[in-house]
Amino acid sequence: MSDYTAWDHHTASLLEDAYVAAGSGPGGSGSSSPSEGAWRAKRQHLTVPMDRDGSWLDVGCANGHLLATLPSWVAERGVRIDPHGLELLPRVAEVARHAHPDLAAVIWTGSVMTWTPSQRFRYVTATDDCVPPRSLRALVDRLLDHFVAPGGRLILSTYTDAGDEPRPLFDDLARAGRPPDGVIRIERPGRHPLLTAWLDA
């Protein structure tokens, strides 16, 4: 079994049942709060690097709640994005397709390190825990080489559960030889900051 396959199995054992049980809404996309306000506060910074119209792929789209909400946030700044999703966990992907039938045809199931898209995207969002920490460079290279369109952007985030130390995303990217072209650090009182970086293709 490869490191990536083992990591995917570990991810499934941690998340699949919980995400399916949570159903639609923020809970089925990894938010500890069911509040739409809290959801937006945790995710709206992903719109910052999205400065032009284009297609968008959310790697690890879970139940599709971000696919359904982020385009409207970007539209507030006059930018239009066309959402697509890739979800590792088949049962969770089915929840997404059922919850968002208008997007069902563009929500795919697969592992980011083995699945190859039939098109490239202006924006690709992903989290650094898609792969083991030592494989961050491989993840970034694969996404830039096969997923992000020329002139597009890879937007990479790190999220933590309460009490966990976040990965030093910006430093990890620099050490991997892929220093960010832009960074976002969202401070949160009493919580670890939200960290997002983008890399231009």
C-alpha atoms as a PDB file:
ATOM      1  CA  MET A   1       0.000   0.000   0.000  1.00  0.00           C
ATOM      2  CA  SER A   2       1.419   3.413  -0.972  1.00  0.00           C
ATOM      3  CA  ASP A   3       1.778   6.260   1.509  1.00  0.00           C
ATOM      4  CA  TYR A   4      -1.009   8.096  -0.312  1.00  0.00           C
ATOM      5  CA  THR A   5      -3.385   5.136  -0.206  1.00  0.00           C
ATOM      6  CA  ALA A   6      -2.711   4.649   3.495  1.00  0.00           C
ATOM      7  CA  TRP A   7      -3.297   8.362   4.092  1.00  0.00           C
ATOM      8  CA  ASP A   8      -6.591   8.254   2.176  1.00  0.00           C
ATOM      9  CA  HIS A   9      -7.751   5.255   4.217  1.00  0.00           C
ATOM     10  CA  HIS A  10      -6.826   7.098   7.406  1.00  0.00           C
ATOM     11  CA  THR A  11      -8.773  10.164   6.249  1.00  0.00           C
ATOM     12  CA  ALA A  12     -11.815   8.012   5.457  1.00  0.00           C
ATOM     13  CA  SER A  13     -11.699   6.363   8.882  1.00  0.00           C
ATOM     14  CA  LEU A  14     -11.641   9.775  10.564  1.00  0.00           C
ATOM     15  CA  LEU A  15     -14.182  11.683   8.517  1.00  0.00           C
ATOM     16  CA  GLU A  16     -16.510   9.679   6.303  1.00  0.00           C
ATOM     17  CA  ASP A  17     -19.110   8.518   8.826  1.00  0.00           C
ATOM     18  CA  ALA A  18     -19.192  11.881  10.592  1.00  0.00           C
ATOM     19  CA  TYR A  19     -19.574  13.870   7.379  1.00  0.00           C
ATOM     20  CA  VAL A  20     -22.328  11.598   6.080  1.00  0.00           C
ATOM     21  CA  ALA A  21     -24.165  11.844   9.398  1.00  0.00           C
ATOM     22  CA  ALA A  22     -23.898  15.633   9.344  1.00  0.00           C
ATOM     23  CA  GLY A  23     -25.588  15.808   5.945  1.00  0.00           C
ATOM     24  CA  SER A  24     -25.861  19.163   4.196  1.00  0.00           C
ATOM     25  CA  GLY A  25     -24.779  22.505   5.624  1.00  0.00           C
ATOM     26  CA  PRO A  26     -21.552  23.599   7.330  1.00  0.00           C
ATOM     27  CA  GLY A  27     -21.271  20.529   9.565  1.00  0.00           C
ATOM     28  CA  GLY A  28     -20.882  18.190   6.613  1.00  0.00           C
ATOM     29  CA  SER A  29     -18.034  20.353   5.338  1.00  0.00           C
ATOM     30  CA  GLY A  30     -15.968  20.209   8.495  1.00  0.00           C
ATOM     31  CA  SER A  31     -17.289  23.198  10.458  1.00  0.00           C
ATOM     32  CA  SER A  32     -17.792  22.748  14.181  1.00  0.00           C
ATOM     33  CA  SER A  33     -20.601  25.338  14.099  1.00  0.00           C
ATOM     34  CA  PRO A  34     -23.880  25.001  12.165  1.00  0.00           C
ATOM     35  CA  SER A  35     -24.089  28.802  11.870  1.00  0.00           C
ATOM     36  CA  GLU A  36     -23.854  30.215   8.351  1.00  0.00           C
ATOM     37  CA  GLY A  37     -22.259  33.325   9.835  1.00  0.00           C
ATOM     38  CA  ALA A  38     -19.509  31.282  11.436  1.00  0.00           C
ATOM     39  CA  TRP A  39     -19.076  29.335   8.207  1.00  0.00           C
ATOM     40  CA  ARG A  40     -18.561  32.510   6.216  1.00  0.00           C
ATOM     41  CA  ALA A  41     -16.129  33.897   8.802  1.00  0.00           C
ATOM     42  CA  LYS A  42     -13.989  30.747   8.444  1.00  0.00           C
ATOM     43  CA  ARG A  43     -14.030  30.504   4.653  1.00  0.00           C
ATOM     44  CA  GLN A  44     -14.653  33.860   2.998  1.00  0.00           C
ATOM     45  CA  HIS A  45     -10.935  34.720   2.946  1.00  0.00           C
ATOM     46  CA  LEU A  46     -10.597  32.141   0.160  1.00  0.00           C
ATOM     47  CA  THR A  47     -12.151  34.731  -2.140  1.00  0.00           C
ATOM     48  CA  VAL A  48      -9.228  37.143  -1.739  1.00  0.00           C
ATOM     49  CA  PRO A  49      -6.997  35.571  -4.445  1.00  0.00           C
ATOM     50  CA  MET A  50      -9.984  35.185  -6.788  1.00  0.00           C
ATOM     51  CA  ASP A  51      -9.634  38.465  -8.651  1.00  0.00           C
ATOM     52  CA  ARG A  52     -10.846  37.467 -12.135  1.00  0.00           C
ATOM     53  CA  ASP A  53     -13.670  35.388 -13.582  1.00  0.00           C
ATOM     54  CA  GLY A  54     -12.952  31.736 -14.173  1.00  0.00           C
ATOM     55  CA  SER A  55     -13.504  28.104 -13.287  1.00  0.00           C
ATOM     56  CA  TRP A  56     -12.819  26.804  -9.784  1.00  0.00           C
ATOM     57  CA  LEU A  57     -12.134  23.314  -8.453  1.00  0.00           C
ATOM     58  CA  ASP A  58     -12.477  22.637  -4.729  1.00  0.00           C
ATOM     59  CA  VAL A  59     -10.308  19.625  -3.855  1.00  0.00           C
ATOM     60  CA  GLY A  60     -11.898  17.868  -0.885  1.00  0.00           C
ATOM     61  CA  CYS A  61     -15.274  19.498  -1.460  1.00  0.00           C
ATOM     62  CA  ALA A  62     -17.016  17.332   1.176  1.00  0.00           C
ATOM     63  CA  ASN A  63     -20.797  17.895   1.027  1.00  0.00           C
ATOM     64  CA  GLY A  64     -20.432  20.753  -1.439  1.00  0.00           C
ATOM     65  CA  HIS A  65     -21.405  23.531   0.953  1.00  0.00           C
ATOM     66  CA  LEU A  66     -18.440  25.681  -0.076  1.00  0.00           C
ATOM     67  CA  LEU A  67     -19.276  25.109  -3.745  1.00  0.00           C
ATOM     68  CA  ALA A  68     -22.746  26.485  -3.020  1.00  0.00           C
ATOM     69  CA  THR A  69     -21.715  29.495  -0.940  1.00  0.00           C
ATOM     70  CA  LEU A  70     -18.341  30.833  -2.076  1.00  0.00           C
ATOM     71  CA  PRO A  71     -19.438  31.927  -5.579  1.00  0.00           C
ATOM     72  CA  SER A  72     -21.953  34.354  -4.079  1.00  0.00           C
ATOM     73  CA  TRP A  73     -19.264  35.858  -1.826  1.00  0.00           C
ATOM     74  CA  VAL A  74     -16.960  36.374  -4.791  1.00  0.00           C
ATOM     75  CA  ALA A  75     -19.844  37.857  -6.790  1.00  0.00           C
ATOM     76  CA  GLU A  76     -20.117  40.631  -4.206  1.00  0.00           C
ATOM     77  CA  ARG A  77     -16.817  41.897  -5.645  1.00  0.00           C
ATOM     78  CA  GLY A  78     -18.001  41.573  -9.228  1.00  0.00           C
ATOM     79  CA  VAL A  79     -16.154  38.312  -9.944  1.00  0.00           C
ATOM     80  CA  ARG A  80     -17.864  35.228 -11.355  1.00  0.00           C
ATOM     81  CA  ILE A  81     -16.543  31.738 -10.665  1.00  0.00           C
ATOM     82  CA  ASP A  82     -17.855  28.444 -11.998  1.00  0.00           C
ATOM     83  CA  PRO A  83     -17.657  25.799  -9.230  1.00  0.00           C
ATOM     84  CA  HIS A  84     -16.495  22.169  -9.542  1.00  0.00           C
ATOM     85  CA  GLY A  85     -15.629  19.688  -6.801  1.00  0.00           C
ATOM     86  CA  LEU A  86     -13.432  16.660  -6.141  1.00  0.00           C
ATOM     87  CA  GLU A  87     -14.205  14.531  -3.103  1.00  0.00           C
ATOM     88  CA  LEU A  88     -12.156  11.580  -1.874  1.00  0.00           C
ATOM     89  CA  LEU A  89     -14.963   9.854   0.032  1.00  0.00           C
ATOM     90  CA  PRO A  90     -17.664   8.282  -2.186  1.00  0.00           C
ATOM     91  CA  ARG A  91     -20.507   8.467   0.336  1.00  0.00           C
ATOM     92  CA  VAL A  92     -19.737  12.091   1.099  1.00  0.00           C
ATOM     93  CA  ALA A  93     -19.630  12.893  -2.619  1.00  0.00           C
ATOM     94  CA  GLU A  94     -23.102  11.373  -2.927  1.00  0.00           C
ATOM     95  CA  VAL A  95     -24.336  13.665  -0.144  1.00  0.00           C
ATOM     96  CA  ALA A  96     -22.931  16.604  -2.113  1.00  0.00           C
ATOM     97  CA  ARG A  97     -24.618  15.556  -5.353  1.00  0.00           C
ATOM     98  CA  HIS A  98     -27.948  15.026  -3.584  1.00  0.00           C
ATOM     99  CA  ALA A  99     -27.729  18.357  -1.736  1.00  0.00           C
ATOM    100  CA  HIS A 100     -26.715  20.280  -4.866  1.00  0.00           C
ATOM    101  CA  PRO A 101     -28.282  18.580  -7.900  1.00  0.00           C
ATOM    102  CA  ASP A 102     -27.385  21.541 -10.119  1.00  0.00           C
ATOM    103  CA  LEU A 103     -23.711  20.719  -9.475  1.00  0.00           C
ATOM    104  CA  ALA A 104     -23.987  16.919  -9.473  1.00  0.00           C
ATOM    105  CA  ALA A 105     -22.373  16.522 -12.904  1.00  0.00           C
ATOM    106  CA  VAL A 106     -19.255  18.440 -11.806  1.00  0.00           C
ATOM    107  CA  ILE A 107     -18.707  16.809  -8.408  1.00  0.00           C
ATOM    108  CA  TRP A 108     -16.238  13.985  -8.957  1.00  0.00           C
ATOM    109  CA  THR A 109     -14.947  11.246  -6.669  1.00  0.00           C
ATOM    110  CA  GLY A 110     -11.247  10.472  -6.450  1.00  0.00           C
ATOM    111  CA  SER A 111      -7.932  10.905  -4.668  1.00  0.00           C
ATOM    112  CA  VAL A 112      -6.029  14.057  -5.527  1.00  0.00           C
ATOM    113  CA  MET A 113      -2.788  12.103  -6.077  1.00  0.00           C
ATOM    114  CA  THR A 114      -4.250   9.638  -8.595  1.00  0.00           C
ATOM    115  CA  TRP A 115      -7.245  11.375 -10.211  1.00  0.00           C
ATOM    116  CA  THR A 116      -6.578  13.586 -13.224  1.00  0.00           C
ATOM    117  CA  PRO A 117      -9.125  16.174 -14.373  1.00  0.00           C
ATOM    118  CA  SER A 118     -10.324  16.432 -17.965  1.00  0.00           C
ATOM    119  CA  GLN A 119      -9.812  20.188 -17.854  1.00  0.00           C
ATOM    120  CA  ARG A 120      -7.750  22.740 -15.965  1.00  0.00           C
ATOM    121  CA  PHE A 121      -9.131  25.432 -13.695  1.00  0.00           C
ATOM    122  CA  ARG A 122      -8.356  29.095 -13.100  1.00  0.00           C
ATOM    123  CA  TYR A 123      -8.564  28.469  -9.344  1.00  0.00           C
ATOM    124  CA  VAL A 124      -7.930  25.322  -7.332  1.00  0.00           C
ATOM    125  CA  THR A 125      -8.481  25.276  -3.578  1.00  0.00           C
ATOM    126  CA  ALA A 126      -7.088  22.500  -1.391  1.00  0.00           C
ATOM    127  CA  THR A 127      -5.936  21.864   2.164  1.00  0.00           C
ATOM    128  CA  ASP A 128      -2.455  20.728   3.102  1.00  0.00           C
ATOM    129  CA  ASP A 129      -3.784  17.629   4.871  1.00  0.00           C
ATOM    130  CA  CYS A 130      -4.750  15.993   1.553  1.00  0.00           C
ATOM    131  CA  VAL A 131      -1.399  14.216   1.821  1.00  0.00           C
ATOM    132  CA  PRO A 132       1.120  13.345   4.560  1.00  0.00           C
ATOM    133  CA  PRO A 133       3.151  16.383   5.693  1.00  0.00           C
ATOM    134  CA  ARG A 134       6.319  15.154   3.984  1.00  0.00           C
ATOM    135  CA  SER A 135       4.463  15.076   0.647  1.00  0.00           C
ATOM    136  CA  LEU A 136       3.482  18.741   0.488  1.00  0.00           C
ATOM    137  CA  ARG A 137       5.842  19.455  -2.429  1.00  0.00           C
ATOM    138  CA  ALA A 138       4.420  16.504  -4.375  1.00  0.00           C
ATOM    139  CA  LEU A 139       0.877  17.764  -3.789  1.00  0.00           C
ATOM    140  CA  VAL A 140       1.708  21.292  -4.905  1.00  0.00           C
ATOM    141  CA  ASP A 141       3.608  20.085  -7.979  1.00  0.00           C
ATOM    142  CA  ARG A 142       0.790  17.775  -9.041  1.00  0.00           C
ATOM    143  CA  LEU A 143      -1.877  20.449  -8.633  1.00  0.00           C
ATOM    144  CA  LEU A 144       0.134  23.042 -10.548  1.00  0.00           C
ATOM    145  CA  ASP A 145       1.132  20.580 -13.275  1.00  0.00           C
ATOM    146  CA  HIS A 146      -2.249  18.925 -13.860  1.00  0.00           C
ATOM    147  CA  PHE A 147      -5.068  20.940 -12.251  1.00  0.00           C
ATOM    148  CA  VAL A 148      -4.327  24.683 -12.426  1.00  0.00           C
ATOM    149  CA  ALA A 149      -4.608  26.420 -15.791  1.00  0.00           C
ATOM    150  CA  PRO A 150      -1.737  28.595 -17.036  1.00  0.00           C
ATOM    151  CA  GLY A 151      -2.152  31.974 -15.394  1.00  0.00           C
ATOM    152  CA  GLY A 152      -4.319  30.421 -12.681  1.00  0.00           C
ATOM    153  CA  ARG A 153      -3.839  30.102  -8.938  1.00  0.00           C
ATOM    154  CA  LEU A 154      -3.493  27.296  -6.435  1.00  0.00           C
ATOM    155  CA  ILE A 155      -4.993  28.358  -3.100  1.00  0.00           C
ATOM    156  CA  LEU A 156      -3.780  26.174  -0.236  1.00  0.00           C
ATOM    157  CA  SER A 157      -5.053  26.322   3.349  1.00  0.00           C
ATOM    158  CA  THR A 158      -4.390  24.666   6.671  1.00  0.00           C
ATOM    159  CA  TYR A 159      -7.129  24.129   9.244  1.00  0.00           C
ATOM    160  CA  THR A 160      -6.917  22.706  12.762  1.00  0.00           C
ATOM    161  CA  ASP A 161      -9.241  21.267  15.346  1.00  0.00           C
ATOM    162  CA  ALA A 162      -9.503  23.132  18.624  1.00  0.00           C
ATOM    163  CA  GLY A 163      -6.347  22.676  20.682  1.00  0.00           C
ATOM    164  CA  ASP A 164      -4.226  21.338  17.817  1.00  0.00           C
ATOM    165  CA  GLU A 165      -1.166  23.213  16.642  1.00  0.00           C
ATOM    166  CA  PRO A 166      -1.507  24.306  13.006  1.00  0.00           C
ATOM    167  CA  ARG A 167       1.052  23.280  10.431  1.00  0.00           C
ATOM    168  CA  PRO A 168       3.418  26.192   9.612  1.00  0.00           C
ATOM    169  CA  LEU A 169       2.043  26.370   6.084  1.00  0.00           C
ATOM    170  CA  PHE A 170       4.033  29.352   4.814  1.00  0.00           C
ATOM    171  CA  ASP A 171       7.331  27.988   6.124  1.00  0.00           C
ATOM    172  CA  ASP A 172       6.520  24.472   4.889  1.00  0.00           C
ATOM    173  CA  LEU A 173       5.951  25.787   1.373  1.00  0.00           C
ATOM    174  CA  ALA A 174       9.191  27.760   1.440  1.00  0.00           C
ATOM    175  CA  ARG A 175      11.134  24.711   2.655  1.00  0.00           C
ATOM    176  CA  ALA A 176       9.540  22.650  -0.113  1.00  0.00           C
ATOM    177  CA  GLY A 177      10.914  25.080  -2.677  1.00  0.00           C
ATOM    178  CA  ARG A 178       7.469  26.528  -3.415  1.00  0.00           C
ATOM    179  CA  PRO A 179       7.348  29.893  -1.589  1.00  0.00           C
ATOM    180  CA  PRO A 180       3.883  31.490  -1.752  1.00  0.00           C
ATOM    181  CA  ASP A 181       3.066  34.353  -4.092  1.00  0.00           C
ATOM    182  CA  GLY A 182       0.602  35.637  -1.511  1.00  0.00           C
ATOM    183  CA  VAL A 183      -0.491  34.792   2.024  1.00  0.00           C
ATOM    184  CA  ILE A 184      -3.509  35.387   4.233  1.00  0.00           C
ATOM    185  CA  ARG A 185      -3.412  35.145   8.009  1.00  0.00           C
ATOM    186  CA  ILE A 186      -6.734  35.548   9.808  1.00  0.00           C
ATOM    187  CA  GLU A 187      -6.309  36.112  13.529  1.00  0.00           C
ATOM    188  CA  ARG A 188      -8.978  34.671  15.812  1.00  0.00           C
ATOM    189  CA  PRO A 189      -9.233  35.581  19.515  1.00  0.00           C
ATOM    190  CA  GLY A 190      -8.475  32.527  21.612  1.00  0.00           C
ATOM    191  CA  ARG A 191      -7.912  30.335  18.549  1.00  0.00           C
ATOM    192  CA  HIS A 192      -5.080  29.564  16.196  1.00  0.00           C
ATOM    193  CA  PRO A 193      -5.064  31.769  13.090  1.00  0.00           C
ATOM    194  CA  LEU A 194      -6.418  30.623   9.758  1.00  0.00           C
ATOM    195  CA  LEU A 195      -3.596  30.323   7.221  1.00  0.00           C
ATOM    196  CA  THR A 196      -3.983  30.384   3.443  1.00  0.00           C
ATOM    197  CA  ALA A 197      -1.348  30.803   0.751  1.00  0.00           C
ATOM    198  CA  TRP A 198      -1.592  31.054  -2.993  1.00  0.00           C
ATOM    199  CA  LEU A 199       0.809  30.136  -5.755  1.00  0.00           C
ATOM    200  CA  ASP A 200       0.527  31.484  -9.278  1.00  0.00           C
ATOM    201  CA  ALA A 201       0.828  29.048 -12.156  1.00  0.00           C
END
